[in-house]
Protein backbone atom coordinates (compact mmCIF):
# COMPACT_ATOMS: atom_id res chain seq x y z
CA MET A 1 -20.71 18.68 21.62
CA ASN A 2 -21.62 20.77 18.60
CA PRO A 3 -21.52 18.43 15.59
CA GLU A 4 -21.51 19.46 11.95
CA VAL A 5 -24.07 17.69 9.76
CA ILE A 6 -23.10 15.97 6.49
CA SER A 7 -26.09 15.21 4.30
CA SER A 8 -24.63 15.04 0.79
CA LYS A 9 -22.42 12.39 -0.77
CA ASP A 10 -20.68 15.26 -2.57
CA ASN A 11 -19.35 16.63 0.72
CA PRO A 12 -15.51 16.81 0.46
CA LEU A 13 -14.98 14.99 3.78
CA PHE A 14 -17.39 12.23 2.78
CA LYS A 15 -15.56 11.80 -0.52
CA GLU A 16 -12.28 11.50 1.41
CA LEU A 17 -13.78 8.84 3.68
CA ARG A 18 -14.85 6.80 0.66
CA LEU A 19 -11.35 7.00 -0.79
CA LEU A 20 -9.79 5.88 2.48
CA GLN A 21 -11.93 2.75 2.31
CA ALA A 22 -10.90 1.81 -1.21
CA SER A 23 -9.12 -1.51 -1.56
CA GLY A 24 -5.71 -2.12 -3.10
CA SER A 25 -3.28 0.54 -4.20
CA LYS A 26 -6.00 3.16 -4.65
CA GLY A 27 -6.90 3.09 -0.95
CA GLN A 28 -3.30 2.87 0.17
CA LYS A 29 -2.39 5.90 -1.95
CA ALA A 30 -5.30 7.87 -0.46
CA ARG A 31 -4.35 6.96 3.13
CA LEU A 32 -0.72 7.88 2.62
CA ALA A 33 -1.62 11.14 0.87
CA SER A 34 -4.01 12.25 3.60
CA GLY A 35 -2.07 10.74 6.50
CA HIS A 36 -5.26 9.19 7.85
CA ALA A 37 -6.97 5.82 8.25
CA LEU A 38 -10.65 5.21 8.86
CA LEU A 39 -11.60 3.34 12.03
CA GLU A 40 -15.03 1.72 11.76
CA GLY A 41 -17.21 0.47 14.59
CA ILE A 42 -17.53 0.80 18.33
CA HIS A 43 -14.72 -1.60 19.19
CA LEU A 44 -12.03 0.22 17.21
CA ILE A 45 -13.14 3.61 18.51
CA GLN A 46 -13.10 2.25 22.06
CA THR A 47 -9.58 0.97 21.44
CA TRP A 48 -8.30 4.42 20.47
CA ALA A 49 -10.56 6.51 22.72
CA GLY A 50 -8.46 9.13 24.49
CA ASP A 51 -5.69 9.03 21.87
CA PRO A 52 -4.99 12.48 20.33
CA ALA A 53 -4.34 10.76 17.00
CA LEU A 54 -8.10 10.15 16.80
CA LYS A 55 -8.92 13.66 15.59
CA THR A 56 -12.37 13.20 14.10
CA LEU A 57 -15.45 11.18 15.08
CA LEU A 58 -18.43 10.45 12.84
CA THR A 59 -21.85 9.20 13.87
CA SER A 60 -25.51 9.90 13.05
CA GLU A 61 -28.66 10.89 14.87
CA HIS A 62 -29.53 7.21 14.93
CA GLY A 63 -26.07 6.48 16.35
CA LEU A 64 -26.52 8.95 19.18
CA MET A 65 -29.49 6.88 20.37
CA ASN A 66 -27.02 4.10 21.19
CA SER A 67 -25.78 4.55 24.77
CA GLU A 68 -22.52 2.76 24.04
CA ILE A 69 -21.74 5.23 21.27
CA THR A 70 -22.59 8.31 23.35
CA GLU A 71 -20.46 6.94 26.18
CA VAL A 72 -17.34 6.41 24.10
CA VAL A 73 -17.78 9.77 22.31
CA ALA A 74 -18.12 11.56 25.66
CA HIS A 75 -15.05 9.81 27.05
CA HIS A 76 -12.95 10.73 24.04
CA LEU A 77 -14.09 14.35 24.11
CA GLU A 78 -13.24 14.59 27.80
CA VAL A 79 -9.63 13.66 27.06
CA CYS A 80 -9.40 15.26 23.61
CA PRO A 81 -11.82 18.24 23.61
CA ASP A 82 -10.61 19.55 20.23
CA THR A 83 -11.92 16.47 18.41
CA LYS A 84 -14.23 17.31 15.50
CA ILE A 85 -17.63 15.62 15.52
CA TYR A 86 -19.73 15.04 12.41
CA LEU A 87 -23.27 13.70 12.05
CA LEU A 88 -23.78 11.82 8.80
CA ASP A 89 -27.22 11.44 7.32
CA SER A 90 -28.24 7.85 8.04
CA LYS A 91 -28.59 7.13 4.32
CA LEU A 92 -24.90 7.94 3.83
CA TRP A 93 -23.85 5.14 6.16
CA ASP A 94 -25.00 2.56 3.63
CA LEU A 95 -22.63 4.18 1.13
CA LEU A 96 -19.79 4.53 3.62
CA SER A 97 -19.77 1.18 5.38
CA ASP A 98 -20.21 -2.39 4.15
CA LEU A 99 -20.86 -3.54 7.73
CA VAL A 100 -24.53 -4.54 7.67
CA ASN A 101 -26.55 -3.20 10.61
CA ALA A 102 -23.38 -2.03 12.37
CA PRO A 103 -23.67 0.87 14.87
CA HIS A 104 -23.07 4.25 13.27
CA LEU A 105 -19.63 5.17 14.57
CA ALA A 106 -16.32 5.81 12.81
CA GLY A 107 -13.26 7.95 13.22
CA LEU A 108 -10.35 9.48 11.33
CA PHE A 109 -7.02 8.41 12.79
CA SER A 110 -3.63 10.02 12.06
CA LEU A 111 -1.20 7.38 10.84
CA PRO A 112 2.01 6.85 12.83
CA LYS A 113 5.29 8.22 11.50
CA SER A 114 6.70 4.74 10.90
CA VAL A 115 4.23 4.41 7.97
CA PHE A 116 6.03 7.21 6.11
CA GLN A 117 9.59 6.57 7.26
CA PRO A 118 10.44 2.89 6.79
CA GLU A 119 14.10 3.68 7.28
CA SER A 120 13.43 5.19 10.73
CA ALA A 121 14.32 1.89 12.39
CA SER A 122 17.92 1.19 11.39
CA THR A 123 17.89 -1.99 13.47
CA LEU A 124 15.15 -4.18 14.87
CA SER A 125 16.34 -6.20 17.84
CA GLY A 126 14.39 -8.89 19.65
CA ASP A 127 11.49 -10.89 18.23
CA VAL A 128 10.05 -9.77 14.89
CA LEU A 129 7.19 -11.07 12.75
CA ILE A 130 7.75 -10.50 9.03
CA LEU A 131 4.92 -10.59 6.48
CA ASP A 132 6.18 -11.36 2.98
CA ARG A 133 3.64 -10.22 0.33
CA ILE A 134 0.56 -11.52 2.15
CA GLN A 135 -2.21 -9.98 0.07
CA ASP A 136 -5.48 -10.97 1.75
CA ALA A 137 -6.54 -8.26 4.19
CA GLY A 138 -8.39 -10.72 6.39
CA ASN A 139 -5.30 -12.88 6.73
CA VAL A 140 -3.11 -9.88 7.54
CA GLY A 141 -5.54 -8.59 10.19
CA SER A 142 -5.89 -12.03 11.75
CA ILE A 143 -2.10 -12.38 11.92
CA LEU A 144 -1.75 -8.98 13.58
CA ARG A 145 -4.31 -9.99 16.20
CA THR A 146 -2.46 -13.25 16.80
CA ALA A 147 0.89 -11.43 17.06
CA ALA A 148 -0.47 -9.11 19.73
CA ALA A 149 -1.93 -12.03 21.66
CA ALA A 150 1.36 -13.95 21.52
CA GLY A 151 3.48 -10.95 22.53
CA PHE A 152 5.22 -10.46 19.15
CA THR A 153 4.93 -6.68 19.17
CA GLN A 154 7.26 -5.86 16.26
CA VAL A 155 5.64 -6.56 12.89
CA LEU A 156 7.31 -5.77 9.59
CA ALA A 157 5.29 -5.92 6.36
CA LEU A 158 7.36 -6.17 3.19
CA SER A 159 6.34 -4.49 -0.06
CA GLY A 160 3.43 -6.32 -1.65
CA THR A 161 1.66 -7.01 1.64
CA ALA A 162 -1.87 -5.65 2.12
CA HIS A 163 -1.77 -2.17 3.64
CA LEU A 164 -1.75 -2.59 7.42
CA TRP A 165 -4.03 0.42 7.89
CA SER A 166 -6.72 -0.51 5.38
CA SER A 167 -10.27 -0.73 6.74
CA LYS A 168 -10.44 -4.51 6.26
CA VAL A 169 -7.11 -5.15 8.02
CA LEU A 170 -8.11 -2.84 10.88
CA ARG A 171 -11.43 -4.63 11.34
CA ALA A 172 -9.87 -8.10 11.21
CA ALA A 173 -7.15 -7.11 13.70
CA MET A 174 -9.77 -5.98 16.23
CA GLY A 175 -7.63 -3.25 17.82
CA ALA A 176 -4.32 -5.16 17.76
CA HIS A 177 -2.67 -2.23 15.95
CA ARG A 178 -2.70 -0.28 19.22
CA LEU A 179 -0.44 -2.90 20.83
CA LEU A 180 2.04 -3.29 17.98
CA ASP A 181 5.04 -1.48 16.49
CA LEU A 182 4.24 -1.66 12.80
CA TYR A 183 6.60 -1.12 9.88
CA GLU A 184 5.62 -1.54 6.25
CA GLY A 185 6.67 -1.01 2.69
CA TRP A 186 10.17 -2.35 3.34
CA SER A 187 12.23 -4.08 0.69
CA ASN A 188 13.82 -7.46 1.33
CA GLN A 189 17.21 -5.80 1.60
CA GLN A 190 16.01 -3.24 4.14
CA MET A 191 14.60 -6.06 6.24
CA LEU A 192 17.72 -8.23 5.99
CA SER A 193 19.87 -5.27 7.02
CA ALA A 194 17.71 -4.21 9.97
CA VAL A 195 16.54 -7.45 11.61
CA GLU A 196 19.09 -8.79 14.08
CA ALA A 197 17.43 -12.07 15.08
CA PRO A 198 17.86 -15.21 12.96
CA LEU A 199 15.17 -15.71 10.32
CA LEU A 200 12.82 -18.69 10.57
CA ALA A 201 10.76 -19.11 7.41
CA THR A 202 7.75 -21.39 7.17
CA SER A 203 7.98 -23.83 4.25
CA ALA A 204 6.16 -27.01 3.28
CA ASP A 205 9.49 -28.82 2.85
CA GLY A 206 11.40 -27.03 5.61
CA GLN A 207 14.74 -28.21 6.95
CA SER A 208 13.49 -28.44 10.54
CA ASP A 209 10.33 -29.63 12.27
CA LEU A 210 8.59 -26.90 14.27
CA TYR A 211 8.20 -29.21 17.26
CA GLU A 212 11.94 -29.95 17.41
CA MET A 213 13.00 -26.30 17.78
CA ASN A 214 13.05 -25.91 21.55
CA GLY A 215 16.55 -24.46 21.78
CA VAL A 216 16.10 -22.04 18.90
CA LEU A 217 12.72 -20.76 20.04
CA GLN A 218 14.05 -19.86 23.50
CA LYS A 219 16.03 -16.97 21.96
CA PRO A 220 14.88 -13.91 19.94
CA ILE A 221 13.78 -14.94 16.47
CA ALA A 222 12.24 -13.44 13.34
CA TRP A 223 9.36 -15.51 11.98
CA VAL A 224 8.71 -15.02 8.27
CA MET A 225 5.23 -15.78 6.88
CA GLY A 226 4.96 -15.94 3.08
CA SER A 227 2.32 -15.00 0.54
CA GLU A 228 -0.75 -17.16 0.10
CA GLY A 229 0.21 -18.44 -3.34
CA GLN A 230 4.01 -18.35 -3.52
CA GLY A 231 5.13 -18.65 0.08
CA VAL A 232 8.32 -16.97 1.30
CA SER A 233 10.47 -15.48 -1.46
CA GLU A 234 13.59 -17.32 -2.61
CA GLU A 235 15.78 -14.37 -1.60
CA ILE A 236 14.61 -14.61 2.00
CA LEU A 237 14.64 -18.41 2.07
CA ALA A 238 18.33 -18.28 1.13
CA GLN A 239 19.02 -16.30 4.33
CA ALA A 240 16.69 -18.26 6.65
CA GLN A 241 16.31 -21.55 8.42
CA THR A 242 13.23 -23.16 6.88
CA ILE A 243 10.66 -24.65 9.25
CA SER A 244 7.86 -27.09 8.47
CA ILE A 245 4.65 -27.59 10.42
CA PRO A 246 3.76 -31.31 10.54
CA ILE A 247 0.38 -31.83 8.89
CA ASP A 248 -1.56 -34.78 7.49
CA PRO A 249 0.02 -35.58 4.07
CA ARG A 250 -3.44 -35.58 2.50
CA VAL A 251 -3.65 -31.84 3.18
CA GLU A 252 -1.56 -29.70 0.87
CA SER A 253 -1.00 -26.70 3.15
CA LEU A 254 -2.32 -24.46 5.89
CA ASN A 255 -3.81 -20.98 5.60
CA VAL A 256 -1.05 -18.48 6.37
CA SER A 257 -2.92 -16.99 9.33
CA ALA A 258 -3.31 -20.48 10.83
CA ALA A 259 0.39 -21.21 10.24
CA ALA A 260 1.34 -17.92 11.94
CA ALA A 261 -0.82 -18.75 14.97
CA ILE A 262 0.75 -22.21 15.31
CA CYS A 263 4.32 -20.89 15.06
CA LEU A 264 3.86 -17.91 17.39
CA PHE A 265 2.05 -19.85 20.09
CA GLU A 266 4.51 -22.74 19.88
CA THR A 267 7.22 -20.14 20.52
CA LEU A 268 5.26 -18.84 23.48
CA ARG A 269 4.67 -22.38 24.83
CA ILE A 270 8.36 -23.25 24.64
CA ARG A 271 9.37 -20.09 26.48
CA ARG A 272 6.80 -20.61 29.22
CA SER A 273 7.95 -24.17 29.80
């Protein structure tokens, strides 16, 4: 290992890393333009260790004192010897990461082709999870983690949803991206044309009770989770069977990530029984 040292915040690579971390459209534009996402922390690097898409690793002299970091770096280099290694001045980590006291380890990951070619999947058969304009990155990441755990490996994010490869979504998903086929930036019409399974949309006043859906949930379905404030769009609701989750009437609604977990694991429970 022969790392290059970065000691200035004016370093071009460091500036790129900061842009990749930006929230909202600014960060998404930077990630799409560069074709990269930033993976932060030991867990995410361990998840992608050995994957050629992880082309660059970043740590510090302080980081190399951590045996867990040196172990994962060595493992990745053994499989991918052309990986570039950079040592950041420890002071730069405070500017790069908002993870307090987190181990000094990050990586640049090449985004999959599906990010740039939403039309590459003309049809999506089998189970699909559709995210309709969910804007909170923590919610999106939590839902991705739940989808992976429940075996819903096809996830489609419609336009207006938080970027699936943002730093906050990646951290919240805890490596779930590696297990999922992710599509994003699709319009409603693209989704309606491509998804073959019947749409089930969560709604506070849905036509059907989630716990009376045994027959429907046995077959491939497309669950639709709507935005935090507006729910599922009217255009999609018109094409879907609306499903309600029974809750205490004194509670107005559930967080979308909680609703997704309930629906996906009820589907899994029905199929196992």
